[in-house]
Amino acid sequence: CQRLTEPLYANIEAINSNMFRATLPDYTSIVILNN
């Protein structure tokens, strides 16, 4: 229950257990987060 990020993204999806695809609020740009 620890927040790892602030609510900055439109959506977050898992690529694998160590990589996550985060969509920015423009719904076009994407960044990658680690776990």
Full PDB file with SEQRES, HELIX, SHEET, SSBOND, CRYST1, ORIGX, SCALE, CONECT and MASTER records, all heavy atoms in Angstrom:
SEQRES   1 A   35  CYS GLN ARG LEU THR GLU PRO LEU TYR ALA ASN ILE GLU          
SEQRES   2 A   35  ALA ILE ASN SER ASN MET PHE ARG ALA THR LEU PRO ASP          
SEQRES   3 A   35  TYR THR SER ILE VAL ILE LEU ASN ASN                          
SHEET    1 AA1 3 ASN A  11  ALA A  14  0                                        
SHEET    2 AA1 3 MET A  19  THR A  23 -1                                        
SHEET    3 AA1 3 ILE A  30  ASN A  34 -1                                        
CRYST1    1.000    1.000    1.000  90.00  90.00  90.00 P 1           1          
ORIGX1      1.000000  0.000000  0.000000        0.00000                         
ORIGX2      0.000000  1.000000  0.000000        0.00000                         
ORIGX3      0.000000  0.000000  1.000000        0.00000                         
SCALE1      1.000000  0.000000  0.000000        0.00000                         
SCALE2      0.000000  1.000000  0.000000        0.00000                         
SCALE3      0.000000  0.000000  1.000000        0.00000                         
ATOM      1  N   CYS A   1       0.811  -1.227   0.000  1.00  0.00           N  
ATOM      2  CA  CYS A   1       0.000   0.000   0.000  1.00  0.00           C  
ATOM      3  C   CYS A   1       0.838   1.269   0.000  1.00  0.00           C  
ATOM      4  O   CYS A   1       0.365   2.340   0.412  1.00  0.00           O  
ATOM      5  CB  CYS A   1      -0.979   0.026   1.178  1.00  0.00           C  
ATOM      6  SG  CYS A   1      -2.164  -1.329   1.189  1.00  0.00           S  
ATOM      7  N   GLN A   2       2.064   1.178  -0.450  1.00  0.00           N  
ATOM      8  CA  GLN A   2       2.923   2.354  -0.556  1.00  0.00           C  
ATOM      9  C   GLN A   2       2.834   2.921  -1.964  1.00  0.00           C  
ATOM     10  O   GLN A   2       2.998   2.205  -2.951  1.00  0.00           O  
ATOM     11  CB  GLN A   2       4.379   1.993  -0.233  1.00  0.00           C  
ATOM     12  CG  GLN A   2       4.598   1.521   1.187  1.00  0.00           C  
ATOM     13  CD  GLN A   2       4.242   2.575   2.210  1.00  0.00           C  
ATOM     14  OE1 GLN A   2       4.643   3.733   2.092  1.00  0.00           O  
ATOM     15  NE2 GLN A   2       3.487   2.180   3.229  1.00  0.00           N  
ATOM     16  N   ARG A   3       2.568   4.230  -2.046  1.00  0.00           N  
ATOM     17  CA  ARG A   3       2.513   4.869  -3.355  1.00  0.00           C  
ATOM     18  C   ARG A   3       3.925   5.038  -3.904  1.00  0.00           C  
ATOM     19  O   ARG A   3       4.776   5.657  -3.270  1.00  0.00           O  
ATOM     20  CB  ARG A   3       1.825   6.223  -3.252  1.00  0.00           C  
ATOM     21  CG  ARG A   3       0.315   6.129  -3.137  1.00  0.00           C  
ATOM     22  CD  ARG A   3      -0.313   7.505  -3.089  1.00  0.00           C  
ATOM     23  NE  ARG A   3      -0.069   8.137  -1.799  1.00  0.00           N  
ATOM     24  CZ  ARG A   3      -0.009   9.456  -1.611  1.00  0.00           C  
ATOM     25  NH1 ARG A   3      -0.129  10.268  -2.633  1.00  0.00           N  
ATOM     26  NH2 ARG A   3       0.191   9.958  -0.415  1.00  0.00           N  
ATOM     27  N   LEU A   4       4.156   4.484  -5.083  1.00  0.00           N  
ATOM     28  CA  LEU A   4       5.465   4.587  -5.719  1.00  0.00           C  
ATOM     29  C   LEU A   4       5.556   5.806  -6.627  1.00  0.00           C  
ATOM     30  O   LEU A   4       6.652   6.296  -6.892  1.00  0.00           O  
ATOM     31  CB  LEU A   4       5.753   3.316  -6.528  1.00  0.00           C  
ATOM     32  CG  LEU A   4       5.705   2.019  -5.706  1.00  0.00           C  
ATOM     33  CD1 LEU A   4       5.913   0.819  -6.622  1.00  0.00           C  
ATOM     34  CD2 LEU A   4       6.746   2.049  -4.593  1.00  0.00           C  
ATOM     35  N   THR A   5       4.404   6.283  -7.109  1.00  0.00           N  
ATOM     36  CA  THR A   5       4.358   7.525  -7.889  1.00  0.00           C  
ATOM     37  C   THR A   5       3.138   8.322  -7.455  1.00  0.00           C  
ATOM     38  O   THR A   5       2.196   7.785  -6.879  1.00  0.00           O  
ATOM     39  CB  THR A   5       4.254   7.260  -9.411  1.00  0.00           C  
ATOM     40  OG1 THR A   5       2.931   6.804  -9.720  1.00  0.00           O  
ATOM     41  CG2 THR A   5       5.278   6.251  -9.885  1.00  0.00           C  
ATOM     42  N   GLU A   6       3.162   9.598  -7.764  1.00  0.00           N  
ATOM     43  CA  GLU A   6       1.961  10.408  -7.621  1.00  0.00           C  
ATOM     44  C   GLU A   6       1.013  10.058  -8.780  1.00  0.00           C  
ATOM     45  O   GLU A   6       1.440   9.451  -9.769  1.00  0.00           O  
ATOM     46  CB  GLU A   6       2.316  11.898  -7.637  1.00  0.00           C  
ATOM     47  CG  GLU A   6       3.163  12.345  -6.459  1.00  0.00           C  
ATOM     48  CD  GLU A   6       2.465  12.083  -5.128  1.00  0.00           C  
ATOM     49  OE1 GLU A   6       1.274  12.428  -5.002  1.00  0.00           O  
ATOM     50  OE2 GLU A   6       3.106  11.512  -4.226  1.00  0.00           O  
ATOM     51  N   PRO A   7      -0.258  10.436  -8.707  1.00  0.00           N  
ATOM     52  CA  PRO A   7      -1.182  10.139  -9.810  1.00  0.00           C  
ATOM     53  C   PRO A   7      -0.936  11.081 -10.996  1.00  0.00           C  
ATOM     54  O   PRO A   7      -1.650  12.071 -11.189  1.00  0.00           O  
ATOM     55  CB  PRO A   7      -2.565  10.362  -9.175  1.00  0.00           C  
ATOM     56  CG  PRO A   7      -2.318  11.345  -8.089  1.00  0.00           C  
ATOM     57  CD  PRO A   7      -0.958  11.053  -7.557  1.00  0.00           C  
ATOM     58  N   LEU A   8       0.060  10.747 -11.793  1.00  0.00           N  
ATOM     59  CA  LEU A   8       0.516  11.608 -12.880  1.00  0.00           C  
ATOM     60  C   LEU A   8       0.103  11.124 -14.259  1.00  0.00           C  
ATOM     61  O   LEU A   8       0.292  11.841 -15.244  1.00  0.00           O  
ATOM     62  CB  LEU A   8       2.056  11.701 -12.849  1.00  0.00           C  
ATOM     63  CG  LEU A   8       2.693  12.200 -11.547  1.00  0.00           C  
ATOM     64  CD1 LEU A   8       4.213  12.072 -11.630  1.00  0.00           C  
ATOM     65  CD2 LEU A   8       2.278  13.639 -11.283  1.00  0.00           C  
ATOM     66  N   TYR A   9      -0.490   9.941 -14.344  1.00  0.00           N  
ATOM     67  CA  TYR A   9      -0.660   9.285 -15.631  1.00  0.00           C  
ATOM     68  C   TYR A   9      -2.130   9.028 -15.944  1.00  0.00           C  
ATOM     69  O   TYR A   9      -2.982   8.940 -15.045  1.00  0.00           O  
ATOM     70  CB  TYR A   9       0.135   7.976 -15.644  1.00  0.00           C  
ATOM     71  CG  TYR A   9       1.571   8.171 -15.246  1.00  0.00           C  
ATOM     72  CD1 TYR A   9       2.018   7.811 -13.964  1.00  0.00           C  
ATOM     73  CD2 TYR A   9       2.484   8.760 -16.117  1.00  0.00           C  
ATOM     74  CE1 TYR A   9       3.333   8.021 -13.580  1.00  0.00           C  
ATOM     75  CE2 TYR A   9       3.800   8.977 -15.740  1.00  0.00           C  
ATOM     76  CZ  TYR A   9       4.225   8.602 -14.471  1.00  0.00           C  
ATOM     77  OH  TYR A   9       5.525   8.817 -14.081  1.00  0.00           O  
ATOM     78  N   ALA A  10      -2.401   8.904 -17.238  1.00  0.00           N  
ATOM     79  CA  ALA A  10      -3.753   8.555 -17.672  1.00  0.00           C  
ATOM     80  C   ALA A  10      -4.003   7.059 -17.520  1.00  0.00           C  
ATOM     81  O   ALA A  10      -5.133   6.634 -17.276  1.00  0.00           O  
ATOM     82  CB  ALA A  10      -3.964   8.978 -19.128  1.00  0.00           C  
ATOM     83  N   ASN A  11      -2.938   6.256 -17.628  1.00  0.00           N  
ATOM     84  CA  ASN A  11      -3.089   4.812 -17.526  1.00  0.00           C  
ATOM     85  C   ASN A  11      -1.725   4.181 -17.285  1.00  0.00           C  
ATOM     86  O   ASN A  11      -0.688   4.740 -17.663  1.00  0.00           O  
ATOM     87  CB  ASN A  11      -3.699   4.251 -18.815  1.00  0.00           C  
ATOM     88  CG  ASN A  11      -4.063   2.790 -18.677  1.00  0.00           C  
ATOM     89  OD1 ASN A  11      -4.620   2.372 -17.677  1.00  0.00           O  
ATOM     90  ND2 ASN A  11      -3.728   1.990 -19.680  1.00  0.00           N  
ATOM     91  N   ILE A  12      -1.712   3.033 -16.641  1.00  0.00           N  
ATOM     92  CA  ILE A  12      -0.481   2.268 -16.425  1.00  0.00           C  
ATOM     93  C   ILE A  12      -0.767   0.808 -16.756  1.00  0.00           C  
ATOM     94  O   ILE A  12      -1.769   0.244 -16.301  1.00  0.00           O  
ATOM     95  CB  ILE A  12       0.034   2.386 -14.974  1.00  0.00           C  
ATOM     96  CG1 ILE A  12       0.396   3.837 -14.646  1.00  0.00           C  
ATOM     97  CG2 ILE A  12       1.243   1.484 -14.758  1.00  0.00           C  
ATOM     98  CD1 ILE A  12       0.859   4.045 -13.205  1.00  0.00           C  
ATOM     99  N   GLU A  13       0.134   0.180 -17.534  1.00  0.00           N  
ATOM    100  CA  GLU A  13       0.012  -1.232 -17.885  1.00  0.00           C  
ATOM    101  C   GLU A  13       1.343  -1.923 -17.628  1.00  0.00           C  
ATOM    102  O   GLU A  13       2.408  -1.328 -17.781  1.00  0.00           O  
ATOM    103  CB  GLU A  13      -0.363  -1.392 -19.366  1.00  0.00           C  
ATOM    104  CG  GLU A  13      -1.706  -0.786 -19.736  1.00  0.00           C  
ATOM    105  CD  GLU A  13      -1.950  -0.872 -21.232  1.00  0.00           C  
ATOM    106  OE1 GLU A  13      -0.964  -0.842 -22.003  1.00  0.00           O  
ATOM    107  OE2 GLU A  13      -3.118  -0.963 -21.638  1.00  0.00           O  
ATOM    108  N   ALA A  14       1.266  -3.182 -17.262  1.00  0.00           N  
ATOM    109  CA  ALA A  14       2.488  -3.955 -17.014  1.00  0.00           C  
ATOM    110  C   ALA A  14       3.007  -4.546 -18.322  1.00  0.00           C  
ATOM    111  O   ALA A  14       2.239  -5.117 -19.109  1.00  0.00           O  
ATOM    112  CB  ALA A  14       2.210  -5.057 -16.009  1.00  0.00           C  
ATOM    113  N   ILE A  15       4.304  -4.396 -18.541  1.00  0.00           N  
ATOM    114  CA  ILE A  15       4.966  -5.078 -19.669  1.00  0.00           C  
ATOM    115  C   ILE A  15       5.522  -6.410 -19.172  1.00  0.00           C  
ATOM    116  O   ILE A  15       5.338  -7.455 -19.782  1.00  0.00           O  
ATOM    117  CB  ILE A  15       6.088  -4.194 -20.242  1.00  0.00           C  
ATOM    118  CG1 ILE A  15       5.519  -2.866 -20.746  1.00  0.00           C  
ATOM    119  CG2 ILE A  15       6.847  -4.933 -21.348  1.00  0.00           C  
ATOM    120  CD1 ILE A  15       6.567  -1.866 -21.179  1.00  0.00           C  
ATOM    121  N   ASN A  16       6.197  -6.361 -18.044  1.00  0.00           N  
ATOM    122  CA  ASN A  16       6.612  -7.551 -17.302  1.00  0.00           C  
ATOM    123  C   ASN A  16       6.694  -7.139 -15.841  1.00  0.00           C  
ATOM    124  O   ASN A  16       6.214  -6.061 -15.468  1.00  0.00           O  
ATOM    125  CB  ASN A  16       7.934  -8.122 -17.851  1.00  0.00           C  
ATOM    126  CG  ASN A  16       9.058  -7.094 -17.847  1.00  0.00           C  
ATOM    127  OD1 ASN A  16       9.216  -6.337 -16.884  1.00  0.00           O  
ATOM    128  ND2 ASN A  16       9.836  -7.052 -18.925  1.00  0.00           N  
ATOM    129  N   SER A  17       7.276  -7.933 -15.018  1.00  0.00           N  
ATOM    130  CA  SER A  17       7.285  -7.622 -13.590  1.00  0.00           C  
ATOM    131  C   SER A  17       8.206  -6.464 -13.232  1.00  0.00           C  
ATOM    132  O   SER A  17       8.152  -5.959 -12.113  1.00  0.00           O  
ATOM    133  CB  SER A  17       7.685  -8.866 -12.783  1.00  0.00           C  
ATOM    134  OG  SER A  17       8.983  -9.308 -13.177  1.00  0.00           O  
ATOM    135  N   ASN A  18       9.051  -6.041 -14.164  1.00  0.00           N  
ATOM    136  CA  ASN A  18      10.005  -4.960 -13.881  1.00  0.00           C  
ATOM    137  C   ASN A  18       9.794  -3.728 -14.749  1.00  0.00           C  
ATOM    138  O   ASN A  18      10.460  -2.718 -14.546  1.00  0.00           O  
ATOM    139  CB  ASN A  18      11.439  -5.456 -14.077  1.00  0.00           C  
ATOM    140  CG  ASN A  18      11.812  -6.527 -13.076  1.00  0.00           C  
ATOM    141  OD1 ASN A  18      11.659  -6.338 -11.870  1.00  0.00           O  
ATOM    142  ND2 ASN A  18      12.274  -7.675 -13.565  1.00  0.00           N  
ATOM    143  N   MET A  19       8.885  -3.793 -15.715  1.00  0.00           N  
ATOM    144  CA  MET A  19       8.667  -2.669 -16.625  1.00  0.00           C  
ATOM    145  C   MET A  19       7.173  -2.385 -16.748  1.00  0.00           C  
ATOM    146  O   MET A  19       6.363  -3.297 -16.887  1.00  0.00           O  
ATOM    147  CB  MET A  19       9.241  -2.979 -18.016  1.00  0.00           C  
ATOM    148  CG  MET A  19      10.745  -3.107 -18.062  1.00  0.00           C  
ATOM    149  SD  MET A  19      11.313  -3.544 -19.739  1.00  0.00           S  
ATOM    150  CE  MET A  19      10.734  -2.118 -20.660  1.00  0.00           C  
ATOM    151  N   PHE A  20       6.851  -1.064 -16.711  1.00  0.00           N  
ATOM    152  CA  PHE A  20       5.456  -0.657 -16.781  1.00  0.00           C  
ATOM    153  C   PHE A  20       5.314   0.487 -17.779  1.00  0.00           C  
ATOM    154  O   PHE A  20       6.098   1.440 -17.763  1.00  0.00           O  
ATOM    155  CB  PHE A  20       4.955  -0.224 -15.405  1.00  0.00           C  
ATOM    156  CG  PHE A  20       5.013  -1.337 -14.386  1.00  0.00           C  
ATOM    157  CD1 PHE A  20       6.185  -1.598 -13.685  1.00  0.00           C  
ATOM    158  CD2 PHE A  20       3.908  -2.144 -14.170  1.00  0.00           C  
ATOM    159  CE1 PHE A  20       6.244  -2.632 -12.769  1.00  0.00           C  
ATOM    160  CE2 PHE A  20       3.960  -3.181 -13.255  1.00  0.00           C  
ATOM    161  CZ  PHE A  20       5.134  -3.430 -12.553  1.00  0.00           C  
ATOM    162  N   ARG A  21       4.329   0.366 -18.634  1.00  0.00           N  
ATOM    163  CA  ARG A  21       4.040   1.394 -19.634  1.00  0.00           C  
ATOM    164  C   ARG A  21       3.055   2.390 -19.040  1.00  0.00           C  
ATOM    165  O   ARG A  21       1.927   2.040 -18.686  1.00  0.00           O  
ATOM    166  CB  ARG A  21       3.451   0.765 -20.895  1.00  0.00           C  
ATOM    167  CG  ARG A  21       3.124   1.769 -22.003  1.00  0.00           C  
ATOM    168  CD  ARG A  21       2.336   1.126 -23.133  1.00  0.00           C  
ATOM    169  NE  ARG A  21       3.129   0.112 -23.806  1.00  0.00           N  
ATOM    170  CZ  ARG A  21       2.908  -1.191 -23.712  1.00  0.00           C  
ATOM    171  NH1 ARG A  21       1.902  -1.648 -22.946  1.00  0.00           N  
ATOM    172  NH2 ARG A  21       3.659  -2.056 -24.352  1.00  0.00           N  
ATOM    173  N   ALA A  22       3.467   3.660 -18.920  1.00  0.00           N  
ATOM    174  CA  ALA A  22       2.625   4.710 -18.344  1.00  0.00           C  
ATOM    175  C   ALA A  22       2.277   5.725 -19.431  1.00  0.00           C  
ATOM    176  O   ALA A  22       3.162   6.300 -20.061  1.00  0.00           O  
ATOM    177  CB  ALA A  22       3.335   5.391 -17.181  1.00  0.00           C  
ATOM    178  N   THR A  23       0.992   5.923 -19.631  1.00  0.00           N  
ATOM    179  CA  THR A  23       0.518   6.878 -20.627  1.00  0.00           C  
ATOM    180  C   THR A  23       0.294   8.235 -19.966  1.00  0.00           C  
ATOM    181  O   THR A  23      -0.364   8.329 -18.921  1.00  0.00           O  
ATOM    182  CB  THR A  23      -0.798   6.402 -21.259  1.00  0.00           C  
ATOM    183  OG1 THR A  23      -0.612   5.093 -21.804  1.00  0.00           O  
ATOM    184  CG2 THR A  23      -1.244   7.337 -22.372  1.00  0.00           C  
ATOM    185  N   LEU A  24       0.848   9.279 -20.586  1.00  0.00           N  
ATOM    186  CA  LEU A  24       0.702  10.623 -20.031  1.00  0.00           C  
ATOM    187  C   LEU A  24      -0.717  11.146 -20.285  1.00  0.00           C  
ATOM    188  O   LEU A  24      -1.465  10.598 -21.101  1.00  0.00           O  
ATOM    189  CB  LEU A  24       1.737  11.547 -20.656  1.00  0.00           C  
ATOM    190  CG  LEU A  24       3.204  11.187 -20.389  1.00  0.00           C  
ATOM    191  CD1 LEU A  24       4.126  12.237 -20.991  1.00  0.00           C  
ATOM    192  CD2 LEU A  24       3.474  11.039 -18.906  1.00  0.00           C  
ATOM    193  N   PRO A  25      -1.107  12.250 -19.592  1.00  0.00           N  
ATOM    194  CA  PRO A  25      -2.480  12.763 -19.721  1.00  0.00           C  
ATOM    195  C   PRO A  25      -2.877  13.199 -21.124  1.00  0.00           C  
ATOM    196  O   PRO A  25      -4.069  13.417 -21.364  1.00  0.00           O  
ATOM    197  CB  PRO A  25      -2.489  13.954 -18.750  1.00  0.00           C  
ATOM    198  CG  PRO A  25      -1.501  13.582 -17.699  1.00  0.00           C  
ATOM    199  CD  PRO A  25      -0.399  12.889 -18.461  1.00  0.00           C  
ATOM    200  N   ASP A  26      -1.921  13.349 -22.048  1.00  0.00           N  
ATOM    201  CA  ASP A  26      -2.307  13.668 -23.423  1.00  0.00           C  
ATOM    202  C   ASP A  26      -2.796  12.440 -24.175  1.00  0.00           C  
ATOM    203  O   ASP A  26      -3.218  12.526 -25.331  1.00  0.00           O  
ATOM    204  CB  ASP A  26      -1.152  14.321 -24.184  1.00  0.00           C  
ATOM    205  CG  ASP A  26       0.081  13.410 -24.299  1.00  0.00           C  
ATOM    206  OD1 ASP A  26      -0.010  12.218 -23.956  1.00  0.00           O  
ATOM    207  OD2 ASP A  26       1.134  13.911 -24.723  1.00  0.00           O  
ATOM    208  N   TYR A  27      -2.748  11.281 -23.523  1.00  0.00           N  
ATOM    209  CA  TYR A  27      -3.214   9.993 -24.054  1.00  0.00           C  
ATOM    210  C   TYR A  27      -2.439   9.553 -25.304  1.00  0.00           C  
ATOM    211  O   TYR A  27      -2.871   8.678 -26.035  1.00  0.00           O  
ATOM    212  CB  TYR A  27      -4.715  10.037 -24.368  1.00  0.00           C  
ATOM    213  CG  TYR A  27      -5.565  10.107 -23.134  1.00  0.00           C  
ATOM    214  CD1 TYR A  27      -6.004  11.330 -22.659  1.00  0.00           C  
ATOM    215  CD2 TYR A  27      -5.893   8.961 -22.437  1.00  0.00           C  
ATOM    216  CE1 TYR A  27      -6.778  11.409 -21.508  1.00  0.00           C  
ATOM    217  CE2 TYR A  27      -6.663   9.023 -21.278  1.00  0.00           C  
ATOM    218  CZ  TYR A  27      -7.100  10.251 -20.818  1.00  0.00           C  
ATOM    219  OH  TYR A  27      -7.854  10.328 -19.675  1.00  0.00           O  
ATOM    220  N   THR A  28      -1.288  10.155 -25.544  1.00  0.00           N  
ATOM    221  CA  THR A  28      -0.453   9.806 -26.694  1.00  0.00           C  
ATOM    222  C   THR A  28       0.960   9.449 -26.257  1.00  0.00           C  
ATOM    223  O   THR A  28       1.506   8.410 -26.647  1.00  0.00           O  
ATOM    224  CB  THR A  28      -0.392  10.974 -27.705  1.00  0.00           C  
ATOM    225  OG1 THR A  28      -1.725  11.265 -28.145  1.00  0.00           O  
ATOM    226  CG2 THR A  28       0.463  10.605 -28.908  1.00  0.00           C  
ATOM    227  N   SER A  29       1.535  10.295 -25.418  1.00  0.00           N  
ATOM    228  CA  SER A  29       2.913  10.106 -24.980  1.00  0.00           C  
ATOM    229  C   SER A  29       3.006   8.986 -23.954  1.00  0.00           C  
ATOM    230  O   SER A  29       2.121   8.822 -23.102  1.00  0.00           O  
ATOM    231  CB  SER A  29       3.470  11.397 -24.385  1.00  0.00           C  
ATOM    232  OG  SER A  29       3.337  12.472 -25.300  1.00  0.00           O  
ATOM    233  N   ILE A  30       4.093   8.220 -24.043  1.00  0.00           N  
ATOM    234  CA  ILE A  30       4.295   7.067 -23.161  1.00  0.00           C  
ATOM    235  C   ILE A  30       5.679   7.133 -22.535  1.00  0.00           C  
ATOM    236  O   ILE A  30       6.657   7.485 -23.195  1.00  0.00           O  
ATOM    237  CB  ILE A  30       4.128   5.747 -23.941  1.00  0.00           C  
ATOM    238  CG1 ILE A  30       2.673   5.566 -24.372  1.00  0.00           C  
ATOM    239  CG2 ILE A  30       4.569   4.541 -23.108  1.00  0.00           C  
ATOM    240  CD1 ILE A  30       2.454   4.376 -25.266  1.00  0.00           C  
ATOM    241  N   VAL A  31       5.751   6.802 -21.242  1.00  0.00           N  
ATOM    242  CA  VAL A  31       7.039   6.659 -20.558  1.00  0.00           C  
ATOM    243  C   VAL A  31       7.075   5.259 -19.940  1.00  0.00           C  
ATOM    244  O   VAL A  31       6.047   4.602 -19.791  1.00  0.00           O  
ATOM    245  CB  VAL A  31       7.243   7.729 -19.472  1.00  0.00           C  
ATOM    246  CG1 VAL A  31       7.307   9.112 -20.091  1.00  0.00           C  
ATOM    247  CG2 VAL A  31       6.142   7.659 -18.418  1.00  0.00           C  
ATOM    248  N   ILE A  32       8.285   4.814 -19.598  1.00  0.00           N  
ATOM    249  CA  ILE A  32       8.467   3.498 -18.991  1.00  0.00           C  
ATOM    250  C   ILE A  32       8.924   3.675 -17.551  1.00  0.00           C  
ATOM    251  O   ILE A  32       9.844   4.445 -17.250  1.00  0.00           O  
ATOM    252  CB  ILE A  32       9.506   2.661 -19.771  1.00  0.00           C  
ATOM    253  CG1 ILE A  32       9.071   2.493 -21.224  1.00  0.00           C  
ATOM    254  CG2 ILE A  32       9.684   1.292 -19.116  1.00  0.00           C  
ATOM    255  CD1 ILE A  32       7.745   1.770 -21.404  1.00  0.00           C  
ATOM    256  N   LEU A  33       8.261   2.954 -16.648  1.00  0.00           N  
ATOM    257  CA  LEU A  33       8.609   2.960 -15.234  1.00  0.00           C  
ATOM    258  C   LEU A  33       9.178   1.609 -14.844  1.00  0.00           C  
ATOM    259  O   LEU A  33       8.785   0.573 -15.398  1.00  0.00           O  
ATOM    260  CB  LEU A  33       7.375   3.248 -14.377  1.00  0.00           C  
ATOM    261  CG  LEU A  33       6.530   4.478 -14.711  1.00  0.00           C  
ATOM    262  CD1 LEU A  33       5.286   4.499 -13.821  1.00  0.00           C  
ATOM    263  CD2 LEU A  33       7.328   5.756 -14.538  1.00  0.00           C  
ATOM    264  N   ASN A  34      10.099   1.611 -13.866  1.00  0.00           N  
ATOM    265  CA  ASN A  34      10.515   0.333 -13.301  1.00  0.00           C  
ATOM    266  C   ASN A  34       9.580  -0.026 -12.157  1.00  0.00           C  
ATOM    267  O   ASN A  34       8.628   0.703 -11.859  1.00  0.00           O  
ATOM    268  CB  ASN A  34      11.987   0.367 -12.866  1.00  0.00           C  
ATOM    269  CG  ASN A  34      12.248   1.384 -11.761  1.00  0.00           C  
ATOM    270  OD1 ASN A  34      11.343   1.787 -11.033  1.00  0.00           O  
ATOM    271  ND2 ASN A  34      13.499   1.804 -11.634  1.00  0.00           N  
ATOM    272  N   ASN A  35       9.815  -1.150 -11.484  1.00  0.00           N  
ATOM    273  CA  ASN A  35       8.887  -1.597 -10.445  1.00  0.00           C  
ATOM    274  C   ASN A  35       8.986  -0.789  -9.156  1.00  0.00           C  
ATOM    275  O   ASN A  35       8.261  -1.071  -8.191  1.00  0.00           O  
ATOM    276  CB  ASN A  35       9.068  -3.083 -10.169  1.00  0.00           C  
ATOM    277  CG  ASN A  35      10.450  -3.421  -9.633  1.00  0.00           C  
ATOM    278  OD1 ASN A  35      11.275  -2.528  -9.415  1.00  0.00           O  
ATOM    279  ND2 ASN A  35      10.705  -4.705  -9.422  1.00  0.00           N  
TER     280      ASN A  35                                                      
MASTER        0    0    0    0    3    0    0    6  279    1    0    3          
END                                                                             
